[in-house]
Amino acid sequence: MTTTKEKHALDPESVARVSPWMEAAVRLKEEHQLLRDRIVRIQTCARSIYAELDPERSRIILEVLQLRMEDFMSQLHKHSEWEEKEVFPVIEIYNRRMFKPSITPSIWVMEKDHELADLFVASFNETVDALPMVCSVELARKAAANLDQACLILLEHLELEEELIFPLADELLTDIDYFYS
């Protein structure tokens, strides 16, 4: 849910001039919501494995999850590359000009979150790839647990990034609007 302030900062009709930064901020928030929605759906499906008693059905669900997660991680990495190229440098320059602390250490932590999530996804993939045709419920649950952990890390990553970047993006938009009004 967006607040009134966020609606104002991101509403092209309520600003003096639509800037490229406004377009980037809108894209950032929209992509984060899409990523969050997708990872929650993947996590919900992964958690359904814990209650599944049919090993064959578990295997099918895990294979579908593997494809969904591969697609999700591809989308996430494209999003991250865009952020590193277009968003983080602008925020860092803005912070320096406003004499605010650097966000570089926080970005480093977020990159480590990505790496950790990648490790859990790799472990999930290795477990699914190694499943015998008739797998045990325990092996299926092990794979699901790795994916569940990756989802938790990614959700926390998105939340941390939103808490760090969104307020700065809104502040920068407000300053741009003030400059052009």
Protein backbone atom coordinates (compact mmCIF):
# COMPACT_ATOMS: atom_id res chain seq x y z
CA MET A 1 0.00 0.00 0.00
CA THR A 2 1.39 3.39 -0.93
CA THR A 3 1.13 6.34 1.35
CA THR A 4 -0.11 9.76 0.30
CA LYS A 5 3.46 11.07 0.26
CA GLU A 6 4.59 8.23 -2.02
CA LYS A 7 1.66 8.81 -4.33
CA HIS A 8 2.55 12.49 -4.53
CA ALA A 9 6.25 11.86 -5.18
CA LEU A 10 5.51 9.31 -7.90
CA ASP A 11 2.48 10.95 -9.50
CA PRO A 12 3.51 12.69 -12.75
CA GLU A 13 0.53 15.02 -12.46
CA SER A 14 1.56 16.30 -9.05
CA VAL A 15 5.13 17.28 -9.89
CA ALA A 16 6.57 20.29 -11.65
CA ARG A 17 8.52 18.16 -14.10
CA VAL A 18 8.66 14.42 -14.82
CA SER A 19 12.31 13.42 -14.57
CA PRO A 20 14.22 10.30 -15.62
CA TRP A 21 14.75 9.69 -11.91
CA MET A 22 10.97 9.60 -11.37
CA GLU A 23 10.68 6.97 -14.08
CA ALA A 24 13.50 4.98 -12.43
CA ALA A 25 11.86 5.25 -9.00
CA VAL A 26 8.51 4.10 -10.37
CA ARG A 27 10.21 1.19 -12.12
CA LEU A 28 12.11 0.30 -8.96
CA LYS A 29 8.96 0.12 -6.85
CA GLU A 30 6.96 -1.76 -9.49
CA GLU A 31 9.70 -4.34 -10.04
CA HIS A 32 10.14 -4.85 -6.31
CA GLN A 33 6.43 -5.56 -5.92
CA LEU A 34 6.48 -8.03 -8.80
CA LEU A 35 9.57 -9.77 -7.40
CA ARG A 36 8.05 -9.91 -3.93
CA ASP A 37 4.79 -11.38 -5.26
CA ARG A 38 6.63 -14.04 -7.27
CA ILE A 39 8.92 -15.13 -4.44
CA VAL A 40 6.00 -15.38 -2.01
CA ARG A 41 4.16 -17.64 -4.47
CA ILE A 42 7.27 -19.79 -4.90
CA GLN A 43 7.76 -19.98 -1.13
CA THR A 44 4.12 -20.96 -0.56
CA CYS A 45 4.43 -23.74 -3.11
CA ALA A 46 7.74 -24.91 -1.59
CA ARG A 47 6.16 -25.04 1.85
CA SER A 48 3.33 -27.18 0.49
CA ILE A 49 5.91 -29.98 0.12
CA TYR A 50 6.07 -30.31 3.92
CA ALA A 51 2.46 -31.53 3.97
CA GLU A 52 2.70 -33.62 0.79
CA LEU A 53 2.63 -37.37 1.41
CA ASP A 54 2.84 -38.54 -2.20
CA PRO A 55 6.54 -38.74 -3.21
CA GLU A 56 5.73 -38.71 -6.93
CA ARG A 57 3.66 -35.56 -6.57
CA SER A 58 6.40 -34.00 -4.43
CA ARG A 59 8.95 -34.65 -7.17
CA ILE A 60 6.71 -33.04 -9.80
CA ILE A 61 6.14 -29.97 -7.62
CA LEU A 62 9.89 -29.67 -6.98
CA GLU A 63 10.67 -29.86 -10.70
CA VAL A 64 8.12 -27.15 -11.43
CA LEU A 65 9.56 -25.06 -8.61
CA GLN A 66 13.03 -25.53 -10.06
CA LEU A 67 11.87 -24.01 -13.36
CA ARG A 68 10.04 -21.17 -11.64
CA MET A 69 13.05 -20.41 -9.46
CA GLU A 70 15.40 -20.42 -12.44
CA ASP A 71 13.17 -17.88 -14.17
CA PHE A 72 12.84 -15.82 -10.98
CA MET A 73 16.60 -15.72 -10.37
CA SER A 74 17.18 -14.63 -13.97
CA GLN A 75 14.69 -11.80 -13.52
CA LEU A 76 16.20 -10.88 -10.14
CA HIS A 77 19.74 -10.74 -11.55
CA LYS A 78 18.60 -8.50 -14.43
CA HIS A 79 16.88 -6.25 -11.90
CA SER A 80 20.00 -6.15 -9.72
CA GLU A 81 22.23 -5.27 -12.66
CA TRP A 82 19.91 -2.40 -13.54
CA GLU A 83 19.93 -1.18 -9.92
CA GLU A 84 23.73 -1.30 -9.75
CA LYS A 85 24.01 0.63 -13.01
CA GLU A 86 21.16 3.13 -12.74
CA VAL A 87 19.88 3.44 -9.17
CA PHE A 88 22.66 2.96 -6.63
CA PRO A 89 25.14 5.40 -8.25
CA VAL A 90 22.53 8.18 -8.30
CA ILE A 91 21.61 7.56 -4.65
CA GLU A 92 25.30 7.51 -3.67
CA ILE A 93 26.00 10.84 -5.42
CA TYR A 94 22.90 12.37 -3.83
CA ASN A 95 23.98 11.19 -0.39
CA ARG A 96 27.45 12.68 -0.80
CA ARG A 97 26.04 16.02 -1.90
CA MET A 98 23.66 16.05 1.06
CA PHE A 99 26.51 15.06 3.41
CA LYS A 100 24.80 11.82 4.36
CA PRO A 101 26.56 8.57 5.17
CA SER A 102 27.54 6.34 2.27
CA ILE A 103 25.18 3.53 1.34
CA THR A 104 28.08 1.43 0.03
CA PRO A 105 28.33 -0.78 3.16
CA SER A 106 24.60 -1.49 2.99
CA ILE A 107 24.84 -2.33 -0.69
CA TRP A 108 27.69 -4.71 0.14
CA VAL A 109 25.45 -6.47 2.70
CA MET A 110 22.68 -6.75 0.11
CA GLU A 111 25.14 -8.27 -2.38
CA LYS A 112 26.11 -10.84 0.26
CA ASP A 113 22.40 -11.62 0.72
CA HIS A 114 22.22 -12.35 -3.01
CA GLU A 115 25.23 -14.63 -2.80
CA LEU A 116 23.77 -16.51 0.17
CA ALA A 117 20.42 -16.91 -1.57
CA ASP A 118 22.26 -18.15 -4.67
CA LEU A 119 23.94 -20.82 -2.52
CA PHE A 120 20.60 -22.05 -1.15
CA VAL A 121 19.11 -22.08 -4.65
CA ALA A 122 22.11 -24.06 -5.90
CA SER A 123 21.68 -26.52 -3.02
CA PHE A 124 17.97 -26.82 -3.86
CA ASN A 125 18.82 -27.49 -7.52
CA GLU A 126 21.48 -30.06 -6.64
CA THR A 127 19.07 -31.87 -4.32
CA VAL A 128 16.28 -31.92 -6.92
CA ASP A 129 18.65 -33.01 -9.68
CA ALA A 130 19.91 -35.88 -7.49
CA LEU A 131 16.46 -37.15 -6.54
CA PRO A 132 15.84 -40.73 -7.58
CA MET A 133 12.78 -41.38 -9.73
CA VAL A 134 10.99 -42.59 -6.62
CA CYS A 135 12.15 -40.21 -3.93
CA SER A 136 11.43 -40.25 -0.25
CA VAL A 137 9.29 -37.63 1.44
CA GLU A 138 12.35 -36.70 3.55
CA LEU A 139 14.48 -35.89 0.48
CA ALA A 140 11.67 -33.83 -1.00
CA ARG A 141 11.35 -31.91 2.25
CA LYS A 142 15.11 -31.31 2.34
CA ALA A 143 14.95 -29.76 -1.12
CA ALA A 144 11.93 -27.68 -0.12
CA ALA A 145 13.74 -26.48 3.02
CA ASN A 146 16.64 -25.17 0.92
CA LEU A 147 14.26 -23.32 -1.36
CA ASP A 148 12.26 -21.99 1.59
CA GLN A 149 15.48 -20.60 3.12
CA ALA A 150 16.44 -18.96 -0.19
CA CYS A 151 12.99 -17.36 -0.33
CA LEU A 152 13.31 -16.05 3.24
CA ILE A 153 16.69 -14.50 2.45
CA LEU A 154 15.39 -12.91 -0.75
CA LEU A 155 12.32 -11.48 0.97
CA GLU A 156 14.52 -9.98 3.70
CA HIS A 157 16.84 -8.67 1.01
CA LEU A 158 13.98 -6.90 -0.77
CA GLU A 159 12.75 -5.48 2.53
CA LEU A 160 16.19 -4.15 3.48
CA GLU A 161 16.66 -2.60 0.07
CA GLU A 162 13.23 -0.96 0.23
CA GLU A 163 13.92 0.43 3.70
CA LEU A 164 17.24 1.84 2.51
CA ILE A 165 16.57 2.98 -1.05
CA PHE A 166 12.88 3.93 -1.22
CA PRO A 167 13.05 6.80 1.30
CA LEU A 168 16.16 8.18 -0.42
CA ALA A 169 14.53 7.87 -3.83
CA ASP A 170 11.45 9.74 -2.57
CA GLU A 171 13.62 12.42 -0.98
CA LEU A 172 15.53 12.88 -4.22
CA LEU A 173 12.26 13.13 -6.16
CA THR A 174 10.99 15.76 -3.76
CA ASP A 175 14.20 17.76 -4.15
CA ILE A 176 14.00 17.53 -7.95
CA ASP A 177 10.38 18.66 -7.85
CA TYR A 178 11.28 21.56 -5.54
CA PHE A 179 14.10 22.60 -7.88
CA TYR A 180 11.76 22.74 -10.91
CA SER A 181 8.76 24.31 -9.18
